[in-house]
N, C-alpha and C. Protein backbone atom coordinates (compact mmCIF):
# COMPACT_ATOMS: atom_id res chain seq x y z
N UNK A 1 18.34 1.46 -11.52
CA UNK A 1 17.11 1.39 -10.43
C UNK A 1 16.80 3.01 -10.20
N UNK A 2 15.78 3.22 -10.03
CA UNK A 2 15.06 4.33 -9.94
C UNK A 2 15.47 4.76 -8.23
N UNK A 3 15.82 5.99 -8.36
CA UNK A 3 15.82 6.55 -6.67
C UNK A 3 14.59 6.57 -6.27
N UNK A 4 14.22 6.71 -4.79
CA UNK A 4 13.19 6.78 -4.18
C UNK A 4 12.71 8.30 -4.05
N UNK A 5 11.29 8.09 -4.49
CA UNK A 5 10.31 9.40 -4.21
C UNK A 5 10.92 10.33 -2.96
N UNK A 6 11.29 11.45 -2.61
CA UNK A 6 10.98 12.11 -1.63
C UNK A 6 10.03 12.11 -0.76
N UNK A 7 9.66 11.96 0.67
CA UNK A 7 8.48 12.09 1.11
C UNK A 7 8.08 13.65 1.27
N UNK A 8 6.77 14.14 0.82
CA UNK A 8 6.55 15.53 0.94
C UNK A 8 6.20 16.02 2.20
N UNK A 9 6.48 15.59 3.56
CA UNK A 9 6.31 16.03 4.80
C UNK A 9 7.17 17.17 4.91
N UNK A 10 6.37 18.25 5.46
CA UNK A 10 7.05 19.72 5.95
C UNK A 10 7.36 19.36 7.28
N UNK A 11 6.73 19.05 8.33
CA UNK A 11 6.49 19.18 9.39
C UNK A 11 6.03 17.89 10.38
N UNK A 12 6.36 17.91 11.94
CA UNK A 12 5.43 16.69 12.17
C UNK A 12 4.40 17.33 13.04
N UNK A 13 3.46 17.10 12.68
CA UNK A 13 2.19 17.76 13.59
C UNK A 13 2.08 17.66 14.74
N UNK A 14 1.91 16.64 15.32
CA UNK A 14 1.94 15.97 16.98
C UNK A 14 2.64 14.85 17.33
N UNK A 15 3.02 14.96 18.76
CA UNK A 15 3.71 14.03 19.28
C UNK A 15 2.84 13.14 20.15
N UNK A 16 2.71 12.26 20.40
CA UNK A 16 2.00 11.43 21.36
C UNK A 16 2.93 10.58 22.51
N UNK A 17 2.78 10.53 23.56
CA UNK A 17 3.59 9.76 24.50
C UNK A 17 3.06 9.39 25.97
N UNK A 18 3.64 8.34 26.60
CA UNK A 18 3.04 7.66 27.85
C UNK A 18 3.64 8.34 28.82
N UNK A 19 3.40 8.92 29.85
CA UNK A 19 3.23 9.63 31.27
C UNK A 19 2.92 8.87 32.05
N UNK A 20 3.38 9.21 33.63
CA UNK A 20 3.25 7.99 34.55
C UNK A 20 1.84 8.85 35.67
N UNK A 21 2.24 10.31 35.21
CA UNK A 21 1.07 11.31 36.02
C UNK A 21 0.66 12.28 35.60
N UNK A 22 -0.49 12.22 34.52
CA UNK A 22 -0.94 13.69 34.03
C UNK A 22 -0.74 14.54 34.39
N UNK A 23 -1.19 15.12 35.92
CA UNK A 23 -1.07 16.33 36.32
C UNK A 23 0.21 16.87 36.75
N UNK A 24 0.99 15.91 36.99
CA UNK A 24 2.48 16.43 37.23
C UNK A 24 3.14 16.85 35.42
N UNK A 25 3.00 16.16 34.90
CA UNK A 25 3.39 16.28 33.40
C UNK A 25 2.85 17.50 32.76
N UNK A 26 1.15 17.76 33.51
CA UNK A 26 0.64 18.92 32.74
C UNK A 26 1.41 19.98 33.19
N UNK A 27 1.60 20.11 34.63
CA UNK A 27 2.40 21.13 35.19
C UNK A 27 4.07 21.57 34.67
N UNK A 28 4.22 20.37 34.43
CA UNK A 28 5.63 20.49 33.56
C UNK A 28 5.66 21.65 32.06
N UNK A 29 4.71 20.71 31.25
CA UNK A 29 4.78 21.29 29.87
C UNK A 29 3.91 22.74 29.89
N UNK A 30 3.22 22.85 30.60
CA UNK A 30 2.66 24.29 30.73
C UNK A 30 3.61 25.15 31.20
N UNK A 31 4.55 25.01 32.24
CA UNK A 31 5.47 25.68 32.93
C UNK A 31 6.43 25.77 31.96
N UNK A 32 7.21 25.09 31.47
CA UNK A 32 8.09 25.22 30.76
C UNK A 32 7.86 25.98 28.82
N UNK A 33 6.84 25.50 28.68
CA UNK A 33 6.52 25.91 27.16
C UNK A 33 5.26 26.65 27.10
N UNK A 34 5.02 26.90 28.10
CA UNK A 34 3.68 27.92 28.35
C UNK A 34 2.37 27.20 27.15
N UNK A 35 2.31 25.58 26.97
CA UNK A 35 1.51 25.05 26.14
C UNK A 35 0.16 25.42 26.86
N UNK A 36 -1.07 25.22 25.76
CA UNK A 36 -2.61 25.53 26.37
C UNK A 36 -3.06 24.46 26.43
N UNK A 37 -3.87 23.92 27.12
CA UNK A 37 -4.75 22.69 27.51
C UNK A 37 -5.79 22.99 26.73
N UNK A 38 -5.71 21.74 25.39
CA UNK A 38 -6.83 21.93 24.39
C UNK A 38 -7.76 20.94 24.74
N UNK A 39 -7.96 19.66 25.56
CA UNK A 39 -8.73 18.91 25.74
C UNK A 39 -8.31 17.83 26.78
N UNK A 40 -9.42 17.26 27.26
CA UNK A 40 -9.15 15.81 28.29
C UNK A 40 -9.68 14.77 27.13
N UNK A 41 -8.79 13.72 26.87
CA UNK A 41 -9.69 12.49 26.48
C UNK A 41 -9.93 13.04 24.61
N UNK A 42 -10.23 12.30 24.24
CA UNK A 42 -11.07 12.72 22.50
C UNK A 42 -11.75 11.80 22.69
N UNK A 43 -13.19 12.46 21.92
CA UNK A 43 -14.47 11.68 21.28
C UNK A 43 -14.19 10.52 20.68
N UNK A 44 -13.37 10.58 19.88
CA UNK A 44 -13.30 9.16 19.25
C UNK A 44 -12.76 8.00 19.60
N UNK A 45 -11.77 8.09 20.98
CA UNK A 45 -11.33 7.18 21.52
C UNK A 45 -11.53 7.25 23.17
N UNK A 46 -12.92 8.10 23.50
CA UNK A 46 -12.62 8.22 24.84
C UNK A 46 -13.10 6.62 25.75
N UNK A 47 -14.21 5.90 24.94
CA UNK A 47 -14.53 4.87 25.26
C UNK A 47 -13.51 3.63 25.56
N UNK A 48 -12.77 3.71 24.54
CA UNK A 48 -12.10 2.69 24.46
C UNK A 48 -10.92 3.36 25.47
N UNK A 49 -10.55 4.22 25.79
CA UNK A 49 -9.46 4.92 26.92
C UNK A 49 -9.87 4.47 28.03
N UNK A 50 -11.15 4.58 28.24
CA UNK A 50 -11.90 4.41 29.96
C UNK A 50 -11.65 2.82 29.78
N UNK A 51 -11.73 1.85 28.94
CA UNK A 51 -12.02 0.49 29.36
C UNK A 51 -10.55 0.12 29.35
N UNK A 52 -9.55 0.72 28.74
CA UNK A 52 -8.24 0.28 29.16
C UNK A 52 -7.57 1.29 30.26
N UNK A 53 -8.46 1.74 30.93
CA UNK A 53 -7.88 2.74 31.96
C UNK A 53 -6.92 3.56 31.77
N UNK A 54 -7.12 3.96 30.59
CA UNK A 54 -6.02 5.49 30.04
C UNK A 54 -6.92 6.39 29.93
N UNK A 55 -5.73 7.63 29.97
CA UNK A 55 -6.41 8.85 30.06
C UNK A 55 -5.41 9.79 28.87
N UNK A 56 -6.06 10.71 28.18
CA UNK A 56 -5.09 11.60 27.55
C UNK A 56 -5.60 13.04 27.86
N UNK A 57 -4.31 13.75 27.67
CA UNK A 57 -4.63 15.08 27.81
C UNK A 57 -3.68 15.83 26.68
N UNK A 58 -4.60 16.76 26.18
CA UNK A 58 -3.98 17.37 24.70
C UNK A 58 -3.51 18.98 24.81
N UNK A 59 -2.55 19.13 24.10
CA UNK A 59 -2.00 20.83 24.52
C UNK A 59 -1.37 21.10 23.37
N UNK A 60 -1.76 22.41 22.98
CA UNK A 60 -1.34 23.23 21.91
C UNK A 60 -0.40 24.54 21.88
N UNK A 61 0.43 24.36 21.25
CA UNK A 61 1.34 25.44 21.06
C UNK A 61 0.63 26.91 20.39
N UNK A 62 -0.75 26.60 20.05
CA UNK A 62 -1.40 27.60 19.62
C UNK A 62 -1.65 27.24 17.82
N UNK A 63 -1.03 26.50 17.15
CA UNK A 63 -1.06 25.78 15.83
C UNK A 63 -2.19 25.15 15.26
N UNK A 64 -2.33 24.20 16.37
CA UNK A 64 -3.32 22.95 15.95
C UNK A 64 -4.24 22.48 17.22
N UNK A 65 -5.10 21.80 17.01
CA UNK A 65 -6.07 21.59 18.07
C UNK A 65 -4.82 20.96 19.27
N UNK A 66 -3.99 19.85 18.90
CA UNK A 66 -2.87 19.63 19.86
C UNK A 66 -1.79 19.39 18.86
N UNK A 67 -0.69 19.86 19.72
CA UNK A 67 0.52 19.51 19.05
C UNK A 67 1.47 18.65 19.75
N UNK A 68 0.78 18.13 21.24
CA UNK A 68 1.42 17.00 21.99
C UNK A 68 -0.15 16.89 22.83
N UNK A 69 0.48 15.45 23.33
CA UNK A 69 -0.85 14.66 23.60
C UNK A 69 0.06 13.55 24.98
N UNK A 70 -0.34 13.55 25.96
CA UNK A 70 0.11 12.96 26.89
C UNK A 70 -0.77 11.88 27.55
N UNK A 71 -0.38 10.59 27.49
CA UNK A 71 -1.49 9.68 27.72
C UNK A 71 -0.98 8.90 29.02
N UNK A 72 -1.56 8.82 29.93
CA UNK A 72 -1.47 8.12 31.08
C UNK A 72 -1.87 6.40 31.15
N UNK A 73 -0.68 6.01 31.23
CA UNK A 73 -0.90 4.47 31.27
C UNK A 73 -0.69 3.97 32.44
N UNK A 74 -1.87 3.15 32.80
CA UNK A 74 -1.55 2.55 34.43
C UNK A 74 -0.46 1.51 34.27
N UNK A 75 -0.13 0.56 33.33
CA UNK A 75 0.54 -0.60 33.59
C UNK A 75 1.93 -0.65 32.83
N UNK A 76 2.16 0.53 32.31
CA UNK A 76 3.38 0.63 31.28
C UNK A 76 4.59 1.12 32.07
N UNK A 77 5.48 0.05 32.16
CA UNK A 77 6.73 0.93 32.59
C UNK A 77 7.79 1.44 31.57
N UNK A 78 8.30 2.28 32.27
CA UNK A 78 9.09 3.03 30.90
C UNK A 78 10.47 3.02 31.33
N UNK A 79 11.32 2.77 30.38
CA UNK A 79 12.86 2.98 30.48
C UNK A 79 13.37 3.94 29.44
N UNK A 80 13.60 5.18 30.27
CA UNK A 80 13.77 6.36 29.82
C UNK A 80 15.08 6.79 29.77
N UNK A 81 15.77 5.81 30.21
CA UNK A 81 17.24 6.20 30.13
C UNK A 81 18.24 5.67 28.94
N UNK A 82 17.84 6.35 27.82
CA UNK A 82 18.43 6.21 26.59
C UNK A 82 18.42 7.53 25.61
N UNK A 83 19.04 7.43 24.29
CA UNK A 83 19.00 8.80 23.92
C UNK A 83 17.47 9.08 22.86
N UNK A 84 16.40 8.41 23.43
CA UNK A 84 15.07 8.44 22.68
C UNK A 84 14.86 10.05 23.07
N UNK A 85 14.23 10.69 22.32
CA UNK A 85 14.00 12.12 22.45
C UNK A 85 13.04 12.72 21.38
N UNK A 86 12.57 13.93 21.69
CA UNK A 86 11.95 14.51 20.48
C UNK A 86 12.31 15.90 20.91
N UNK A 87 12.20 16.86 19.83
CA UNK A 87 12.94 18.01 19.57
C UNK A 87 12.04 19.16 19.39
N UNK A 88 12.37 20.08 20.08
CA UNK A 88 11.38 21.17 19.73
C UNK A 88 12.56 22.45 19.18
N UNK A 89 11.75 23.31 18.18
CA UNK A 89 12.64 24.14 17.36
C UNK A 89 11.81 25.89 17.56
N UNK A 90 12.68 26.60 17.96
CA UNK A 90 12.58 27.81 18.22
C UNK A 90 12.96 28.59 17.20
N UNK A 91 12.67 30.13 16.72
CA UNK A 91 13.36 30.50 15.60
C UNK A 91 13.90 32.02 15.84
N UNK A 92 13.15 32.43 17.22
CA UNK A 92 13.80 33.76 17.59
C UNK A 92 14.64 33.33 19.05
N UNK A 93 15.84 34.28 19.13
CA UNK A 93 16.68 34.11 20.26
C UNK A 93 16.17 34.29 21.61
N UNK A 94 14.76 35.13 21.49
CA UNK A 94 14.00 35.56 22.58
C UNK A 94 13.49 34.06 23.25
N UNK A 95 12.80 33.70 22.29
CA UNK A 95 11.83 32.50 22.40
C UNK A 95 13.20 31.62 23.56
N UNK A 96 13.67 31.31 22.63
CA UNK A 96 15.17 30.27 23.34
C UNK A 96 15.35 30.56 24.83
N UNK A 97 15.66 31.84 24.86
CA UNK A 97 16.03 32.28 26.26
C UNK A 97 14.85 32.22 27.23
N UNK A 98 13.91 32.33 27.07
CA UNK A 98 12.67 32.34 27.77
C UNK A 98 12.19 31.02 28.01
N UNK A 99 12.53 29.88 27.11
CA UNK A 99 12.11 28.30 27.61
C UNK A 99 13.68 28.09 28.40
N UNK A 100 14.44 28.65 28.27
CA UNK A 100 15.31 28.10 28.89
C UNK A 100 15.64 28.80 30.45
N UNK A 101 14.96 30.03 30.41
CA UNK A 101 14.94 30.78 31.61
C UNK A 101 13.76 29.87 32.67
N UNK A 102 12.98 29.52 32.22
CA UNK A 102 11.69 28.76 32.89
C UNK A 102 12.28 27.71 33.17
N UNK A 103 12.74 26.78 32.47
CA UNK A 103 13.44 25.51 32.52
C UNK A 103 14.68 25.87 34.22
N UNK A 104 15.13 26.85 34.15
CA UNK A 104 16.20 27.10 35.32
C UNK A 104 15.10 27.41 36.23
N UNK A 105 14.02 28.15 36.29
CA UNK A 105 13.10 28.44 37.37
C UNK A 105 12.63 27.27 38.01
N UNK A 106 12.33 26.32 37.18
CA UNK A 106 11.96 24.80 37.64
C UNK A 106 12.52 24.46 38.27
N UNK A 107 14.07 24.54 38.35
CA UNK A 107 15.40 23.62 38.95
C UNK A 107 15.11 22.74 37.80
N UNK A 108 14.92 22.31 36.74
CA UNK A 108 15.32 21.47 35.70
C UNK A 108 17.16 21.43 35.67
N UNK A 109 17.65 20.48 35.60
CA UNK A 109 18.99 19.95 35.12
C UNK A 109 19.13 20.21 33.63
N UNK A 110 19.92 21.25 33.07
CA UNK A 110 20.15 21.47 31.92
C UNK A 110 21.16 20.75 31.13
N UNK A 111 20.93 20.13 30.40
CA UNK A 111 22.28 19.30 29.43
C UNK A 111 22.36 20.47 28.10
N UNK A 112 24.03 21.15 28.28
CA UNK A 112 24.14 22.09 27.04
C UNK A 112 24.18 21.13 25.65
N UNK A 113 23.91 21.67 24.65
CA UNK A 113 24.02 21.60 23.16
C UNK A 113 23.02 20.23 22.86
N UNK A 114 23.39 19.61 21.58
CA UNK A 114 22.58 18.61 21.01
C UNK A 114 22.81 17.67 21.77
N UNK A 115 21.88 16.48 21.32
CA UNK A 115 21.45 15.08 21.86
C UNK A 115 22.66 14.33 21.43
N UNK A 116 22.80 14.68 20.32
CA UNK A 116 24.02 13.86 19.68
C UNK A 116 25.15 14.82 18.92
N UNK A 117 26.12 14.37 19.37
CA UNK A 117 27.19 15.27 18.71
C UNK A 117 27.19 15.25 17.50
N UNK A 118 26.55 14.43 16.57
CA UNK A 118 26.84 14.68 15.07
C UNK A 118 25.65 15.05 14.57
N UNK A 119 24.74 15.58 15.59
CA UNK A 119 23.52 16.38 14.85
C UNK A 119 23.73 17.58 14.07
N UNK A 120 23.10 17.85 12.97
CA UNK A 120 23.33 19.08 12.20
C UNK A 120 23.27 20.37 13.28
N UNK A 121 24.53 20.91 13.06
CA UNK A 121 24.71 22.05 13.92
C UNK A 121 23.58 23.32 13.71
N UNK A 122 23.18 23.72 14.80
CA UNK A 122 22.18 24.72 15.12
C UNK A 122 23.21 26.30 15.91
N UNK A 123 22.25 27.06 16.04
CA UNK A 123 22.72 28.20 16.56
C UNK A 123 22.92 28.03 18.19
N UNK A 124 21.82 27.31 18.85
CA UNK A 124 22.11 27.09 20.16
C UNK A 124 21.21 25.72 20.42
N UNK A 125 21.49 25.04 21.58
CA UNK A 125 20.55 23.91 21.99
C UNK A 125 20.95 23.59 23.41
N UNK A 126 20.12 22.99 24.07
CA UNK A 126 20.00 22.44 25.04
C UNK A 126 18.88 21.53 25.40
N UNK A 127 19.11 20.37 26.48
CA UNK A 127 18.31 19.41 26.41
C UNK A 127 17.92 19.25 28.04
N UNK A 128 16.15 18.96 28.27
CA UNK A 128 16.10 18.87 29.56
C UNK A 128 15.28 17.34 29.79
N UNK A 129 14.77 16.80 30.86
CA UNK A 129 14.20 15.80 31.22
C UNK A 129 12.92 16.17 31.73
N UNK A 130 11.64 15.65 30.69
CA UNK A 130 10.48 15.74 32.24
C UNK A 130 10.08 14.83 33.20
N UNK A 131 9.52 14.97 33.60
CA UNK A 131 9.22 14.02 34.99
C UNK A 131 9.03 12.83 34.70
N UNK A 132 9.08 12.32 33.77
CA UNK A 132 9.13 10.60 33.43
C UNK A 132 10.32 10.58 32.48
N UNK A 133 11.39 11.25 32.98
CA UNK A 133 12.64 11.15 32.24
C UNK A 133 12.77 11.26 30.76
N UNK A 134 11.82 11.57 30.02
CA UNK A 134 11.69 11.87 28.46
C UNK A 134 12.64 12.88 28.33
N UNK A 135 13.52 12.81 27.21
CA UNK A 135 14.34 14.09 27.11
C UNK A 135 13.83 14.89 26.11
N UNK A 136 13.96 15.94 26.38
CA UNK A 136 13.85 17.07 25.14
C UNK A 136 14.72 17.69 24.98
N UNK A 137 14.67 18.20 23.39
CA UNK A 137 16.09 19.05 23.04
C UNK A 137 15.46 20.00 22.66
N UNK A 138 15.96 21.17 22.75
CA UNK A 138 15.51 22.62 22.23
C UNK A 138 16.51 23.01 21.72
N UNK A 139 16.36 23.38 20.11
CA UNK A 139 17.01 24.07 19.59
C UNK A 139 16.56 25.51 18.91
N UNK A 140 17.36 26.55 18.69
CA UNK A 140 17.39 27.45 18.09
C UNK A 140 17.91 27.53 16.71
N UNK A 141 16.82 27.39 15.65
CA UNK A 141 17.28 27.74 14.30
C UNK A 141 18.27 28.43 13.71
N UNK A 142 19.09 28.28 12.87
CA UNK A 142 20.17 28.62 12.49
C UNK A 142 19.74 30.11 11.41
N UNK A 143 20.14 31.19 11.73
CA UNK A 143 19.27 32.11 10.78
C UNK A 143 20.05 31.83 9.30
N UNK A 144 19.25 31.67 8.22
CA UNK A 144 19.71 31.37 6.97
C UNK A 144 19.83 32.77 6.14
């Protein structure tokens, strides 16, 4: 039997998820990660979003039009008391320290280490929750 081919993906380009309050989430993500607000809704989906009473805010770390998209959904009930999360990686210790400092200044509860103890070891890691209790893991890549 042939081994499956490896998927040639090099990184995840963007992440889209639901929030209950766009302004509160916008303040959180721009405050902790210094994201740039890049757009409200999207020309390809604006009509559908309005019909479903949803709204999107797009944010960028400066690499793409959007690296993160927050979607306001008026009916969705979220259960975020799980290990569901996304991870952001920084390369420099200074960037890691800056994100951690911002989280502390915002009064966020910081959970030390990786989300999962069995995850690949990294130089440093911590986790915070956003206003909708989405877990965010911030890791500093190990120097190779």
